[in-house]
Amino acid sequence: MIDLHYWPTPNGWKITIMLEECGLPYRVVPVNIGRSEQFTPAFQALSPNGRMPAIVDHAPLGGGQPLSIFESGAILLYLAEKSGRFMPADVGGRYRVTQWLMWQMGGLGPMLGQNGHFALYASEKIPYAIERYGREARRLYAVLDGELGRTGDGIAGAYSIADMATFPWIMTHKAQGISLDDYPHIKRWYAQLREREALQRGLAVGKEWRAPKMDDEARRVLFGQGGAPPQGAPTT
């Protein structure tokens, strides 16, 4: 059994999608990031960075004691190895998937996060930041659109963990102020993936926990706005 420490956000959805796709048994342990639960000593023992998701595999690959893993990209790589699915066996294919997973982890996710923060959540609207991150978001969409046009399939060929990592962030396109009509290859890919039943099940996990609107306490915890953040919380 795998314990998934989770909250329904793009990074959390990556893992519920993968677990549903590969059929590994798991149990959800909620981590309410709007109520500082990611900063508890118990959670930070699993995820020193104070970010979810994290997993604990009680029957790990190779046996032995329970194995805990944090960082969504590392979790996806582990689950692909454990299940033997959604990662090519050949070296070239494996590194095509890995490089696009790293692109999502180091580029698309962080930049869309910053774009969304300054455009939607920041208490002070800073034109320079809105323009900078909006421009970078559109550039990254163009990179992805170009690659999907070349493959004609998933990001790295056949459907893989690279697609699972990227899809939840593309789900935020409307909030990001981006129209998929401007990126026809992403639009095609997005519609195809949206039809996958396992992906839909993954997105549904904890759906009822999402508040329709961020309250002041969540804003304080997540962004350090409206008061001092809890001990150990980032201020940016």
C-alpha atoms as a PDB file:
ATOM      1  CA  MET A   1       0.000   0.000   0.000  1.00  0.00           C
ATOM      2  CA  ILE A   2       1.146   3.520  -0.830  1.00  0.00           C
ATOM      3  CA  ASP A   3       0.212   6.448   1.403  1.00  0.00           C
ATOM      4  CA  LEU A   4      -0.214   9.579  -0.695  1.00  0.00           C
ATOM      5  CA  HIS A   5       0.091  12.837   1.233  1.00  0.00           C
ATOM      6  CA  TYR A   6      -1.946  15.055  -1.013  1.00  0.00           C
ATOM      7  CA  TRP A   7      -4.046  18.112  -1.710  1.00  0.00           C
ATOM      8  CA  PRO A   8      -5.922  18.680  -5.005  1.00  0.00           C
ATOM      9  CA  THR A   9      -3.568  21.010  -6.886  1.00  0.00           C
ATOM     10  CA  PRO A  10      -1.690  20.537 -10.185  1.00  0.00           C
ATOM     11  CA  ASN A  11       1.280  18.931  -8.422  1.00  0.00           C
ATOM     12  CA  GLY A  12      -0.988  16.663  -6.413  1.00  0.00           C
ATOM     13  CA  TRP A  13      -3.015  15.667  -9.470  1.00  0.00           C
ATOM     14  CA  LYS A  14       0.110  14.424 -11.221  1.00  0.00           C
ATOM     15  CA  ILE A  15       0.351  11.641  -8.672  1.00  0.00           C
ATOM     16  CA  THR A  16      -3.323  10.689  -8.405  1.00  0.00           C
ATOM     17  CA  ILE A  17      -3.447  10.469 -12.201  1.00  0.00           C
ATOM     18  CA  MET A  18      -0.394   8.179 -12.269  1.00  0.00           C
ATOM     19  CA  LEU A  19      -1.688   5.984  -9.452  1.00  0.00           C
ATOM     20  CA  GLU A  20      -5.029   5.596 -11.190  1.00  0.00           C
ATOM     21  CA  GLU A  21      -3.366   4.950 -14.551  1.00  0.00           C
ATOM     22  CA  CYS A  22      -1.018   2.245 -13.268  1.00  0.00           C
ATOM     23  CA  GLY A  23      -3.487   0.680 -10.822  1.00  0.00           C
ATOM     24  CA  LEU A  24      -1.274   0.652  -7.748  1.00  0.00           C
ATOM     25  CA  PRO A  25      -3.224   0.565  -4.460  1.00  0.00           C
ATOM     26  CA  TYR A  26      -3.017   3.771  -2.467  1.00  0.00           C
ATOM     27  CA  ARG A  27      -4.510   5.583   0.474  1.00  0.00           C
ATOM     28  CA  VAL A  28      -4.918   9.369   0.523  1.00  0.00           C
ATOM     29  CA  VAL A  29      -3.664  11.344   3.525  1.00  0.00           C
ATOM     30  CA  PRO A  30      -4.987  14.914   3.172  1.00  0.00           C
ATOM     31  CA  VAL A  31      -2.510  17.774   3.607  1.00  0.00           C
ATOM     32  CA  ASN A  32      -4.525  20.993   3.747  1.00  0.00           C
ATOM     33  CA  ILE A  33      -2.020  23.476   2.395  1.00  0.00           C
ATOM     34  CA  GLY A  34      -4.326  26.396   3.159  1.00  0.00           C
ATOM     35  CA  ARG A  35      -4.232  25.496   6.855  1.00  0.00           C
ATOM     36  CA  SER A  36      -0.457  25.067   7.294  1.00  0.00           C
ATOM     37  CA  GLU A  37      -0.524  21.252   7.432  1.00  0.00           C
ATOM     38  CA  GLN A  38       2.469  21.105   5.085  1.00  0.00           C
ATOM     39  CA  PHE A  39       4.544  22.755   7.809  1.00  0.00           C
ATOM     40  CA  THR A  40       3.899  20.234  10.565  1.00  0.00           C
ATOM     41  CA  PRO A  41       6.949  18.314  11.845  1.00  0.00           C
ATOM     42  CA  ALA A  42       5.321  15.011  10.836  1.00  0.00           C
ATOM     43  CA  PHE A  43       4.894  16.095   7.228  1.00  0.00           C
ATOM     44  CA  GLN A  44       8.264  17.795   6.974  1.00  0.00           C
ATOM     45  CA  ALA A  45       9.881  14.540   8.084  1.00  0.00           C
ATOM     46  CA  LEU A  46       8.580  13.179   4.757  1.00  0.00           C
ATOM     47  CA  SER A  47       8.989  16.347   2.696  1.00  0.00           C
ATOM     48  CA  PRO A  48      11.747  18.596   4.095  1.00  0.00           C
ATOM     49  CA  ASN A  49      10.823  21.300   1.565  1.00  0.00           C
ATOM     50  CA  GLY A  50       7.369  21.623   3.116  1.00  0.00           C
ATOM     51  CA  ARG A  51       5.593  20.910  -0.145  1.00  0.00           C
ATOM     52  CA  MET A  52       3.171  18.201  -1.075  1.00  0.00           C
ATOM     53  CA  PRO A  53       2.829  15.650  -2.566  1.00  0.00           C
ATOM     54  CA  ALA A  54       4.846  13.005  -0.789  1.00  0.00           C
ATOM     55  CA  ILE A  55       4.416   9.250  -0.689  1.00  0.00           C
ATOM     56  CA  VAL A  56       5.279   6.440   1.679  1.00  0.00           C
ATOM     57  CA  ASP A  57       5.441   3.047  -0.009  1.00  0.00           C
ATOM     58  CA  HIS A  58       4.957   0.313   2.583  1.00  0.00           C
ATOM     59  CA  ALA A  59       5.940  -2.373   0.078  1.00  0.00           C
ATOM     60  CA  PRO A  60       8.781  -0.641  -1.751  1.00  0.00           C
ATOM     61  CA  LEU A  61      10.577  -1.717  -4.857  1.00  0.00           C
ATOM     62  CA  GLY A  62      13.283  -4.136  -3.766  1.00  0.00           C
ATOM     63  CA  GLY A  63      11.692  -4.797  -0.379  1.00  0.00           C
ATOM     64  CA  GLY A  64      12.812  -3.522   2.986  1.00  0.00           C
ATOM     65  CA  GLN A  65      11.499  -0.754   5.184  1.00  0.00           C
ATOM     66  CA  PRO A  66       8.813   1.708   4.024  1.00  0.00           C
ATOM     67  CA  LEU A  67      10.202   4.223   1.546  1.00  0.00           C
ATOM     68  CA  SER A  68       9.228   7.891   1.582  1.00  0.00           C
ATOM     69  CA  ILE A  69       9.696  10.126  -1.473  1.00  0.00           C
ATOM     70  CA  PHE A  70       8.957  13.815  -1.977  1.00  0.00           C
ATOM     71  CA  GLU A  71       8.931  15.999  -5.141  1.00  0.00           C
ATOM     72  CA  SER A  72       6.295  15.097  -7.710  1.00  0.00           C
ATOM     73  CA  GLY A  73       8.802  14.368 -10.480  1.00  0.00           C
ATOM     74  CA  ALA A  74      10.755  11.930  -8.322  1.00  0.00           C
ATOM     75  CA  ILE A  75       7.506  10.255  -7.281  1.00  0.00           C
ATOM     76  CA  LEU A  76       6.464   9.825 -10.913  1.00  0.00           C
ATOM     77  CA  LEU A  77       9.813   8.274 -11.792  1.00  0.00           C
ATOM     78  CA  TYR A  78       9.541   5.879  -8.868  1.00  0.00           C
ATOM     79  CA  LEU A  79       5.971   4.846  -9.692  1.00  0.00           C
ATOM     80  CA  ALA A  80       6.919   4.284 -13.336  1.00  0.00           C
ATOM     81  CA  GLU A  81       9.764   2.005 -12.236  1.00  0.00           C
ATOM     82  CA  LYS A  82       7.621   0.174  -9.687  1.00  0.00           C
ATOM     83  CA  SER A  83       4.735  -0.408 -12.088  1.00  0.00           C
ATOM     84  CA  GLY A  84       6.807  -0.908 -15.228  1.00  0.00           C
ATOM     85  CA  ARG A  85       4.468   1.463 -17.077  1.00  0.00           C
ATOM     86  CA  PHE A  86       4.472   4.888 -18.754  1.00  0.00           C
ATOM     87  CA  MET A  87       8.246   5.010 -19.166  1.00  0.00           C
ATOM     88  CA  PRO A  88       9.975   3.516 -22.239  1.00  0.00           C
ATOM     89  CA  ALA A  89      12.406   0.672 -21.655  1.00  0.00           C
ATOM     90  CA  ASP A  90      14.991   1.852 -24.203  1.00  0.00           C
ATOM     91  CA  VAL A  91      17.559   4.463 -23.248  1.00  0.00           C
ATOM     92  CA  GLY A  92      16.580   6.990 -25.906  1.00  0.00           C
ATOM     93  CA  GLY A  93      12.887   6.775 -25.074  1.00  0.00           C
ATOM     94  CA  ARG A  94      13.528   6.906 -21.347  1.00  0.00           C
ATOM     95  CA  TYR A  95      15.530  10.104 -21.633  1.00  0.00           C
ATOM     96  CA  ARG A  96      13.025  11.714 -24.006  1.00  0.00           C
ATOM     97  CA  VAL A  97      10.447  11.278 -21.267  1.00  0.00           C
ATOM     98  CA  THR A  98      12.846  12.324 -18.504  1.00  0.00           C
ATOM     99  CA  GLN A  99      13.913  15.535 -20.225  1.00  0.00           C
ATOM    100  CA  TRP A 100      10.312  16.646 -20.726  1.00  0.00           C
ATOM    101  CA  LEU A 101       9.501  15.749 -17.134  1.00  0.00           C
ATOM    102  CA  MET A 102      12.417  17.964 -16.057  1.00  0.00           C
ATOM    103  CA  TRP A 103      11.141  20.708 -18.389  1.00  0.00           C
ATOM    104  CA  GLN A 104       7.808  20.646 -16.617  1.00  0.00           C
ATOM    105  CA  MET A 105       9.369  20.556 -13.155  1.00  0.00           C
ATOM    106  CA  GLY A 106      11.926  23.298 -13.789  1.00  0.00           C
ATOM    107  CA  GLY A 107      10.085  25.471 -16.307  1.00  0.00           C
ATOM    108  CA  LEU A 108       6.401  25.098 -16.989  1.00  0.00           C
ATOM    109  CA  GLY A 109       5.194  24.532 -13.429  1.00  0.00           C
ATOM    110  CA  PRO A 110       7.249  27.250 -11.693  1.00  0.00           C
ATOM    111  CA  MET A 111       6.639  29.848 -14.402  1.00  0.00           C
ATOM    112  CA  LEU A 112       2.891  29.221 -14.567  1.00  0.00           C
ATOM    113  CA  GLY A 113       2.855  29.355 -10.787  1.00  0.00           C
ATOM    114  CA  GLN A 114       4.486  32.782 -10.851  1.00  0.00           C
ATOM    115  CA  ASN A 115       2.238  33.973 -13.669  1.00  0.00           C
ATOM    116  CA  GLY A 116      -0.852  32.892 -11.780  1.00  0.00           C
ATOM    117  CA  HIS A 117       0.402  34.439  -8.549  1.00  0.00           C
ATOM    118  CA  PHE A 118       1.118  37.898  -9.932  1.00  0.00           C
ATOM    119  CA  ALA A 119      -1.886  37.994 -12.260  1.00  0.00           C
ATOM    120  CA  LEU A 120      -4.486  36.555  -9.866  1.00  0.00           C
ATOM    121  CA  TYR A 121      -3.410  36.415  -6.240  1.00  0.00           C
ATOM    122  CA  ALA A 122      -0.850  39.105  -5.470  1.00  0.00           C
ATOM    123  CA  SER A 123      -2.303  41.879  -3.321  1.00  0.00           C
ATOM    124  CA  GLU A 124      -0.271  44.399  -5.307  1.00  0.00           C
ATOM    125  CA  LYS A 125      -0.545  44.299  -9.102  1.00  0.00           C
ATOM    126  CA  ILE A 126       2.972  44.786 -10.468  1.00  0.00           C
ATOM    127  CA  PRO A 127       2.892  45.395 -14.251  1.00  0.00           C
ATOM    128  CA  TYR A 128       6.516  44.322 -14.755  1.00  0.00           C
ATOM    129  CA  ALA A 129       5.949  40.950 -13.030  1.00  0.00           C
ATOM    130  CA  ILE A 130       2.641  40.356 -14.817  1.00  0.00           C
ATOM    131  CA  GLU A 131       4.252  41.067 -18.193  1.00  0.00           C
ATOM    132  CA  ARG A 132       7.420  39.086 -17.475  1.00  0.00           C
ATOM    133  CA  TYR A 133       5.706  35.908 -16.338  1.00  0.00           C
ATOM    134  CA  GLY A 134       2.874  36.198 -18.831  1.00  0.00           C
ATOM    135  CA  ARG A 135       5.402  36.390 -21.654  1.00  0.00           C
ATOM    136  CA  GLU A 136       7.320  33.399 -20.302  1.00  0.00           C
ATOM    137  CA  ALA A 137       4.106  31.395 -19.910  1.00  0.00           C
ATOM    138  CA  ARG A 138       3.240  32.011 -23.561  1.00  0.00           C
ATOM    139  CA  ARG A 139       6.778  31.092 -24.633  1.00  0.00           C
ATOM    140  CA  LEU A 140       6.565  27.770 -22.791  1.00  0.00           C
ATOM    141  CA  TYR A 141       3.170  27.044 -24.327  1.00  0.00           C
ATOM    142  CA  ALA A 142       4.735  27.647 -27.743  1.00  0.00           C
ATOM    143  CA  VAL A 143       7.589  25.239 -26.934  1.00  0.00           C
ATOM    144  CA  LEU A 144       5.091  22.544 -25.921  1.00  0.00           C
ATOM    145  CA  ASP A 145       2.891  23.194 -28.935  1.00  0.00           C
ATOM    146  CA  GLY A 146       5.848  22.826 -31.262  1.00  0.00           C
ATOM    147  CA  GLU A 147       6.914  19.530 -29.710  1.00  0.00           C
ATOM    148  CA  LEU A 148       3.403  18.093 -29.827  1.00  0.00           C
ATOM    149  CA  GLY A 149       3.228  19.099 -33.472  1.00  0.00           C
ATOM    150  CA  ARG A 150       6.392  17.106 -34.137  1.00  0.00           C
ATOM    151  CA  THR A 151       5.354  13.987 -32.216  1.00  0.00           C
ATOM    152  CA  GLY A 152       1.697  13.982 -33.273  1.00  0.00           C
ATOM    153  CA  ASP A 153       1.020  12.008 -30.081  1.00  0.00           C
ATOM    154  CA  GLY A 154       2.170  12.558 -26.484  1.00  0.00           C
ATOM    155  CA  ILE A 155       4.900  14.953 -25.465  1.00  0.00           C
ATOM    156  CA  ALA A 156       7.656  12.347 -25.747  1.00  0.00           C
ATOM    157  CA  GLY A 157       5.849   9.954 -28.080  1.00  0.00           C
ATOM    158  CA  ALA A 158       3.549   7.451 -26.409  1.00  0.00           C
ATOM    159  CA  TYR A 159       1.556   8.594 -23.370  1.00  0.00           C
ATOM    160  CA  SER A 160       3.925   8.794 -20.402  1.00  0.00           C
ATOM    161  CA  ILE A 161       4.627  10.412 -17.061  1.00  0.00           C
ATOM    162  CA  ALA A 162       5.734  13.523 -18.989  1.00  0.00           C
ATOM    163  CA  ASP A 163       2.133  13.975 -20.134  1.00  0.00           C
ATOM    164  CA  MET A 164       0.779  13.302 -16.638  1.00  0.00           C
ATOM    165  CA  ALA A 165       3.111  15.921 -15.170  1.00  0.00           C
ATOM    166  CA  THR A 166       2.188  18.550 -17.737  1.00  0.00           C
ATOM    167  CA  PHE A 167      -1.557  18.078 -18.162  1.00  0.00           C
ATOM    168  CA  PRO A 168      -2.638  19.408 -14.720  1.00  0.00           C
ATOM    169  CA  TRP A 169      -0.767  22.648 -15.321  1.00  0.00           C
ATOM    170  CA  ILE A 170      -2.331  23.101 -18.757  1.00  0.00           C
ATOM    171  CA  MET A 171      -5.693  22.688 -17.014  1.00  0.00           C
ATOM    172  CA  THR A 172      -5.087  26.158 -15.572  1.00  0.00           C
ATOM    173  CA  HIS A 173      -4.917  27.805 -19.009  1.00  0.00           C
ATOM    174  CA  LYS A 174      -8.082  29.892 -18.613  1.00  0.00           C
ATOM    175  CA  ALA A 175      -6.974  31.276 -15.254  1.00  0.00           C
ATOM    176  CA  GLN A 176      -3.571  31.955 -16.817  1.00  0.00           C
ATOM    177  CA  GLY A 177      -5.243  34.064 -19.506  1.00  0.00           C
ATOM    178  CA  ILE A 178      -4.209  31.676 -22.278  1.00  0.00           C
ATOM    179  CA  SER A 179      -6.469  30.354 -25.025  1.00  0.00           C
ATOM    180  CA  LEU A 180      -5.777  26.880 -26.387  1.00  0.00           C
ATOM    181  CA  ASP A 181      -7.085  28.105 -29.740  1.00  0.00           C
ATOM    182  CA  ASP A 182      -3.685  29.774 -30.110  1.00  0.00           C
ATOM    183  CA  TYR A 183      -1.936  26.400 -29.644  1.00  0.00           C
ATOM    184  CA  PRO A 184      -3.695  23.834 -31.849  1.00  0.00           C
ATOM    185  CA  HIS A 185      -1.398  20.908 -31.030  1.00  0.00           C
ATOM    186  CA  ILE A 186      -1.841  21.454 -27.299  1.00  0.00           C
ATOM    187  CA  LYS A 187      -5.588  21.736 -27.842  1.00  0.00           C
ATOM    188  CA  ARG A 188      -5.644  18.362 -29.650  1.00  0.00           C
ATOM    189  CA  TRP A 189      -3.480  16.688 -26.989  1.00  0.00           C
ATOM    190  CA  TYR A 190      -5.471  18.198 -24.141  1.00  0.00           C
ATOM    191  CA  ALA A 191      -8.799  16.984 -25.541  1.00  0.00           C
ATOM    192  CA  GLN A 192      -7.444  13.469 -26.077  1.00  0.00           C
ATOM    193  CA  LEU A 193      -6.047  13.173 -22.564  1.00  0.00           C
ATOM    194  CA  ARG A 194      -9.188  14.607 -21.031  1.00  0.00           C
ATOM    195  CA  GLU A 195     -11.065  11.549 -22.318  1.00  0.00           C
ATOM    196  CA  ARG A 196      -8.937   9.093 -20.344  1.00  0.00           C
ATOM    197  CA  GLU A 197     -11.028   7.539 -17.584  1.00  0.00           C
ATOM    198  CA  ALA A 198      -8.073   6.996 -15.240  1.00  0.00           C
ATOM    199  CA  LEU A 199      -7.037  10.623 -15.655  1.00  0.00           C
ATOM    200  CA  GLN A 200     -10.568  11.736 -14.795  1.00  0.00           C
ATOM    201  CA  ARG A 201     -10.519   9.553 -11.676  1.00  0.00           C
ATOM    202  CA  GLY A 202      -7.213  11.065 -10.630  1.00  0.00           C
ATOM    203  CA  LEU A 203      -8.563  14.595 -11.003  1.00  0.00           C
ATOM    204  CA  ALA A 204     -11.618  13.705  -8.916  1.00  0.00           C
ATOM    205  CA  VAL A 205      -9.598  12.714  -5.820  1.00  0.00           C
ATOM    206  CA  GLY A 206     -10.347  15.233  -3.084  1.00  0.00           C
ATOM    207  CA  LYS A 207     -12.390  17.422  -5.409  1.00  0.00           C
ATOM    208  CA  GLU A 208     -14.755  18.217  -2.547  1.00  0.00           C
ATOM    209  CA  TRP A 209     -11.894  19.752  -0.529  1.00  0.00           C
ATOM    210  CA  ARG A 210     -11.267  22.600  -2.943  1.00  0.00           C
ATOM    211  CA  ALA A 211     -12.772  25.848  -1.739  1.00  0.00           C
ATOM    212  CA  PRO A 212     -14.555  27.914  -4.417  1.00  0.00           C
ATOM    213  CA  LYS A 213     -12.580  30.975  -3.300  1.00  0.00           C
ATOM    214  CA  MET A 214      -9.322  31.386  -1.407  1.00  0.00           C
ATOM    215  CA  ASP A 215      -9.948  32.792   2.065  1.00  0.00           C
ATOM    216  CA  ASP A 216      -7.692  35.148   4.029  1.00  0.00           C
ATOM    217  CA  GLU A 217      -6.128  32.362   6.084  1.00  0.00           C
ATOM    218  CA  ALA A 218      -5.139  30.384   2.985  1.00  0.00           C
ATOM    219  CA  ARG A 219      -3.756  33.524   1.363  1.00  0.00           C
ATOM    220  CA  ARG A 220      -1.667  34.230   4.482  1.00  0.00           C
ATOM    221  CA  VAL A 221      -0.309  30.686   4.614  1.00  0.00           C
ATOM    222  CA  LEU A 222       0.415  30.288   0.917  1.00  0.00           C
ATOM    223  CA  PHE A 223       1.639  33.777   0.050  1.00  0.00           C
ATOM    224  CA  GLY A 224       2.587  35.414   3.344  1.00  0.00           C
ATOM    225  CA  GLN A 225      -0.058  38.096   2.796  1.00  0.00           C
ATOM    226  CA  GLY A 226      -2.078  39.632   5.594  1.00  0.00           C
ATOM    227  CA  GLY A 227       0.226  38.633   8.440  1.00  0.00           C
ATOM    228  CA  ALA A 228       3.319  36.680   9.346  1.00  0.00           C
ATOM    229  CA  PRO A 229       3.492  33.189   7.844  1.00  0.00           C
ATOM    230  CA  PRO A 230       3.775  30.165  10.124  1.00  0.00           C
ATOM    231  CA  GLN A 231       7.238  29.108  11.250  1.00  0.00           C
ATOM    232  CA  GLY A 232       9.045  27.361   8.423  1.00  0.00           C
ATOM    233  CA  ALA A 233       6.755  28.766   5.734  1.00  0.00           C
ATOM    234  CA  PRO A 234       8.241  30.603   2.752  1.00  0.00           C
ATOM    235  CA  THR A 235       7.514  34.315   2.421  1.00  0.00           C
ATOM    236  CA  THR A 236       7.738  34.373  -1.365  1.00  0.00           C
END
